[in-house]
């Protein structure tokens, strides 16, 4: 198993290549959290990916919240979502001959809500999305002298860009997995709120709001590696069979 870092259209990305790529290739596109820590060299996630022969790309997104919104810390002209759609996905297609819907979205914290944001806006391209401890109500961080303050003029303006307000009742990813440690004091309530919204809208999704291991910590994130990667792989296989 090998992790490398390279530039793709001027932006860095960490890339995992398994020793044996599965015969029917899929790719995991993983979005990191606000701490900017990717899955690179993470033993738990590397093992889960290697076991299934999955390639994985972890782009570096700064503290941009992975939105379709300019964040100068990330780029003064290109939004993170625009980069993912117009640069990273075409690179995956050219490099590995893997195209949507064979690209599964995963993310942790900021990246969890970012993966949902992308999937909710492009449900046909990305029918498989798994969000771990998703920072759904990220707008609560407005006013802390972070890049989000520059991105939005107020908490309400940020709220208008939140995941729940971009859930389309007629177009949504068919395979969704939400997980959050019930001890996660920062983000559990907003993840639960999203689940309730999905349920009230009749949108199927799978949950793990029971597993606990320290709250919003890497101990918890790593304890969920096998489940999240395994679930994503199974759903990608299901989508491939239905095509």
Protein backbone atom coordinates (compact mmCIF):
# COMPACT_ATOMS: atom_id res chain seq x y z
CA UNK A 1 0.00 0.00 0.00
CA UNK A 2 1.29 3.47 -0.89
CA UNK A 3 0.35 7.06 -0.08
CA UNK A 4 1.76 9.84 -2.23
CA UNK A 5 1.14 13.58 -2.45
CA UNK A 6 0.94 15.38 -5.76
CA UNK A 7 -0.45 18.52 -7.31
CA UNK A 8 -3.58 18.31 -9.43
CA UNK A 9 -4.35 21.56 -11.27
CA UNK A 10 -2.27 23.45 -8.75
CA UNK A 11 -3.84 21.94 -5.62
CA UNK A 12 -2.30 19.26 -3.43
CA UNK A 13 -3.95 15.88 -2.90
CA UNK A 14 -2.95 12.77 -0.97
CA UNK A 15 -3.45 9.64 -3.03
CA UNK A 16 -3.70 6.03 -1.90
CA UNK A 17 -2.87 3.21 -4.28
CA UNK A 18 -3.51 -0.33 -3.02
CA UNK A 19 -1.16 -3.16 -3.83
CA UNK A 20 -3.92 -4.95 -5.72
CA UNK A 21 -6.64 -2.85 -7.31
CA UNK A 22 -9.98 -4.65 -7.43
CA UNK A 23 -11.07 -5.95 -10.87
CA UNK A 24 -14.01 -3.54 -11.01
CA UNK A 25 -12.34 -0.32 -9.91
CA UNK A 26 -13.97 2.26 -7.68
CA UNK A 27 -12.48 5.39 -6.13
CA UNK A 28 -13.06 6.99 -2.75
CA UNK A 29 -13.01 10.79 -2.78
CA UNK A 30 -12.46 11.81 0.83
CA UNK A 31 -12.81 15.33 2.23
CA UNK A 32 -10.90 16.29 5.38
CA UNK A 33 -12.03 18.24 8.41
CA UNK A 34 -11.26 21.75 9.65
CA UNK A 35 -7.96 20.54 11.13
CA UNK A 36 -6.88 19.72 7.54
CA UNK A 37 -5.81 16.20 8.53
CA UNK A 38 -6.34 13.80 5.64
CA UNK A 39 -6.25 10.00 5.68
CA UNK A 40 -2.63 9.92 4.53
CA UNK A 41 -0.64 7.23 6.36
CA UNK A 42 -3.56 6.52 8.68
CA UNK A 43 -3.24 2.81 9.51
CA UNK A 44 -6.94 2.17 10.10
CA UNK A 45 -8.11 3.75 6.86
CA UNK A 46 -5.19 2.44 4.82
CA UNK A 47 -6.01 -1.10 5.96
CA UNK A 48 -9.70 -0.70 5.12
CA UNK A 49 -8.86 0.62 1.66
CA UNK A 50 -6.17 -1.99 0.99
CA UNK A 51 -8.44 -4.84 2.01
CA UNK A 52 -10.91 -3.83 -0.70
CA UNK A 53 -8.44 -2.76 -3.38
CA UNK A 54 -9.77 0.79 -3.35
CA UNK A 55 -7.97 3.86 -4.56
CA UNK A 56 -8.53 7.01 -2.54
CA UNK A 57 -7.96 10.71 -3.20
CA UNK A 58 -7.85 13.23 -0.34
CA UNK A 59 -7.65 16.78 -1.74
CA UNK A 60 -6.33 19.57 0.47
CA UNK A 61 -9.11 22.10 1.01
CA UNK A 62 -7.76 24.39 3.74
CA UNK A 63 -10.59 25.61 6.04
CA UNK A 64 -12.99 26.27 3.18
CA UNK A 65 -15.90 24.07 4.36
CA UNK A 66 -15.84 22.53 0.85
CA UNK A 67 -18.57 24.90 -0.32
CA UNK A 68 -19.45 26.47 -3.65
CA UNK A 69 -18.20 29.70 -2.13
CA UNK A 70 -14.94 31.58 -2.54
CA UNK A 71 -12.58 31.15 0.41
CA UNK A 72 -9.43 33.23 -0.12
CA UNK A 73 -7.41 30.93 2.13
CA UNK A 74 -8.18 28.17 -0.39
CA UNK A 75 -8.24 30.14 -3.65
CA UNK A 76 -9.22 33.72 -4.53
CA UNK A 77 -11.05 32.71 -7.71
CA UNK A 78 -12.12 29.06 -7.57
CA UNK A 79 -14.54 27.56 -5.07
CA UNK A 80 -13.70 24.17 -3.53
CA UNK A 81 -16.76 22.54 -5.12
CA UNK A 82 -15.83 23.93 -8.52
CA UNK A 83 -12.35 22.47 -8.16
CA UNK A 84 -13.70 19.06 -7.17
CA UNK A 85 -16.09 18.93 -10.11
CA UNK A 86 -13.99 20.56 -12.81
CA UNK A 87 -10.46 19.49 -11.90
CA UNK A 88 -10.34 16.55 -9.50
CA UNK A 89 -13.09 14.36 -10.94
CA UNK A 90 -11.75 14.77 -14.52
CA UNK A 91 -8.28 13.86 -13.21
CA UNK A 92 -9.68 10.66 -11.68
CA UNK A 93 -11.36 9.86 -14.99
CA UNK A 94 -8.20 10.46 -16.99
CA UNK A 95 -5.78 8.83 -14.55
CA UNK A 96 -7.76 5.73 -13.59
CA UNK A 97 -10.60 5.53 -16.10
CA UNK A 98 -13.14 5.73 -13.26
CA UNK A 99 -16.10 8.05 -13.63
CA UNK A 100 -19.20 8.88 -11.59
CA UNK A 101 -21.18 7.11 -10.24
CA UNK A 102 -18.21 4.83 -9.44
CA UNK A 103 -16.73 7.54 -7.20
CA UNK A 104 -17.88 7.33 -3.59
CA UNK A 105 -17.83 10.43 -1.39
CA UNK A 106 -16.69 10.26 2.23
CA UNK A 107 -15.78 12.93 4.72
CA UNK A 108 -15.09 13.68 8.35
CA UNK A 109 -16.45 16.70 10.28
CA UNK A 110 -16.12 19.74 7.95
CA UNK A 111 -15.46 17.22 5.19
CA UNK A 112 -18.50 15.16 6.16
CA UNK A 113 -20.82 18.08 5.54
CA UNK A 114 -18.78 18.91 2.44
CA UNK A 115 -19.36 15.43 1.02
CA UNK A 116 -23.08 15.80 1.69
CA UNK A 117 -23.09 19.25 0.08
CA UNK A 118 -21.56 17.84 -3.10
CA UNK A 119 -23.81 14.79 -3.18
CA UNK A 120 -27.00 16.79 -2.56
CA UNK A 121 -26.21 19.15 -5.42
CA UNK A 122 -25.12 16.39 -7.81
CA UNK A 123 -27.08 13.34 -6.71
CA UNK A 124 -26.86 11.49 -10.01
CA UNK A 125 -23.10 11.87 -10.19
CA UNK A 126 -22.58 10.90 -6.56
CA UNK A 127 -25.29 8.49 -5.37
CA UNK A 128 -23.05 7.12 -2.61
CA UNK A 129 -22.03 9.37 0.29
CA UNK A 130 -20.85 8.60 3.82
CA UNK A 131 -20.46 11.40 6.37
CA UNK A 132 -18.71 10.87 9.69
CA UNK A 133 -19.43 13.44 12.42
CA UNK A 134 -20.68 15.88 9.76
CA UNK A 135 -20.52 19.54 10.81
CA UNK A 136 -24.00 20.20 9.44
CA UNK A 137 -24.65 23.44 11.33
CA UNK A 138 -21.23 24.87 10.51
CA UNK A 139 -22.63 28.41 10.55
CA UNK A 140 -22.40 28.36 14.35
CA UNK A 141 -18.66 28.90 13.86
CA UNK A 142 -19.21 32.28 12.25
CA UNK A 143 -17.70 35.05 14.37
CA UNK A 144 -14.66 33.14 15.64
CA UNK A 145 -12.16 34.98 13.43
CA UNK A 146 -11.87 32.03 11.06
CA UNK A 147 -12.07 31.99 7.22
CA UNK A 148 -15.84 31.47 7.43
CA UNK A 149 -16.14 35.09 8.62
CA UNK A 150 -14.76 36.27 5.29
CA UNK A 151 -16.86 33.82 3.31
CA UNK A 152 -20.18 34.99 4.78
CA UNK A 153 -21.27 38.35 6.12
CA UNK A 154 -23.33 36.82 8.93
CA UNK A 155 -24.29 33.50 10.57
CA UNK A 156 -27.62 33.69 8.75
CA UNK A 157 -25.91 34.07 5.39
CA UNK A 158 -23.82 30.99 6.21
CA UNK A 159 -26.94 29.09 7.31
CA UNK A 160 -28.42 29.64 3.86
CA UNK A 161 -25.54 27.54 2.48
CA UNK A 162 -26.06 24.69 4.94
CA UNK A 163 -26.71 21.09 3.92
CA UNK A 164 -30.30 20.90 5.13
CA UNK A 165 -31.35 23.88 3.02
CA UNK A 166 -29.89 22.21 -0.08
CA UNK A 167 -31.75 18.94 0.30
CA UNK A 168 -33.93 18.54 -2.80
CA UNK A 169 -37.07 16.46 -2.14
CA UNK A 170 -36.97 14.93 -5.62
CA UNK A 171 -33.23 14.58 -6.20
CA UNK A 172 -31.06 13.07 -3.49
CA UNK A 173 -28.24 10.52 -3.28
CA UNK A 174 -29.77 7.05 -3.09
CA UNK A 175 -27.20 5.71 -0.65
CA UNK A 176 -26.47 7.84 2.41
CA UNK A 177 -24.69 6.91 5.62
CA UNK A 178 -24.53 9.25 8.61
CA UNK A 179 -22.53 8.47 11.75
CA UNK A 180 -21.73 10.53 14.81
CA UNK A 181 -20.53 9.70 18.30
CA UNK A 182 -23.35 10.56 20.76
CA UNK A 183 -20.61 12.04 22.96
CA UNK A 184 -19.78 14.57 20.23
CA UNK A 185 -21.05 17.71 21.94
CA UNK A 186 -20.25 19.95 18.97
CA UNK A 187 -21.94 18.19 16.07
CA UNK A 188 -24.22 15.37 17.21
CA UNK A 189 -27.37 17.49 17.46
CA UNK A 190 -27.00 18.88 13.94
CA UNK A 191 -26.35 15.41 12.49
CA UNK A 192 -29.44 14.17 14.30
CA UNK A 193 -31.42 17.12 12.92
CA UNK A 194 -30.37 16.20 9.39
CA UNK A 195 -31.43 12.60 9.95
CA UNK A 196 -34.85 13.74 11.18
CA UNK A 197 -35.21 15.96 8.10
CA UNK A 198 -34.36 13.04 5.83
CA UNK A 199 -36.85 10.80 7.62
CA UNK A 200 -39.64 13.37 7.50
CA UNK A 201 -38.98 13.78 3.76
CA UNK A 202 -39.18 10.02 3.21
CA UNK A 203 -35.54 9.83 2.12
CA UNK A 204 -33.86 6.52 3.05
CA UNK A 205 -30.52 6.62 4.81
CA UNK A 206 -28.47 4.50 7.18
CA UNK A 207 -27.29 5.61 10.60
CA UNK A 208 -24.84 4.87 13.35
CA UNK A 209 -25.57 7.24 16.20
CA UNK A 210 -24.68 4.65 18.84
CA UNK A 211 -20.99 3.81 18.46
CA UNK A 212 -18.98 5.91 20.89
CA UNK A 213 -15.26 6.37 21.40
CA UNK A 214 -14.34 9.73 22.86
CA UNK A 215 -16.59 12.12 20.96
CA UNK A 216 -15.13 14.26 18.16
CA UNK A 217 -11.74 12.56 18.22
CA UNK A 218 -9.52 10.58 15.91
CA UNK A 219 -9.98 7.62 18.24
CA UNK A 220 -13.63 7.64 17.19
CA UNK A 221 -12.90 8.39 13.54
CA UNK A 222 -10.44 5.49 13.31
CA UNK A 223 -12.81 3.13 15.09
CA UNK A 224 -15.30 3.85 12.29
CA UNK A 225 -12.84 3.34 9.42
CA UNK A 226 -13.82 -0.23 8.62
CA UNK A 227 -17.52 0.48 8.80
CA UNK A 228 -17.46 3.64 6.70
CA UNK A 229 -15.15 2.34 3.98
CA UNK A 230 -16.88 -1.05 3.97
CA UNK A 231 -20.33 0.51 3.64
CA UNK A 232 -19.18 2.84 0.86
CA UNK A 233 -17.65 -0.04 -1.07
CA UNK A 234 -20.78 -2.16 -0.76
CA UNK A 235 -23.00 0.65 -2.02
CA UNK A 236 -20.70 1.38 -4.97
CA UNK A 237 -20.94 -2.29 -5.91
CA UNK A 238 -24.73 -2.11 -5.60
CA UNK A 239 -24.87 0.93 -7.90
CA UNK A 240 -22.62 -0.80 -10.45
CA UNK A 241 -24.89 -3.85 -10.50
CA UNK A 242 -27.94 -1.68 -11.15
CA UNK A 243 -26.49 0.07 -14.19
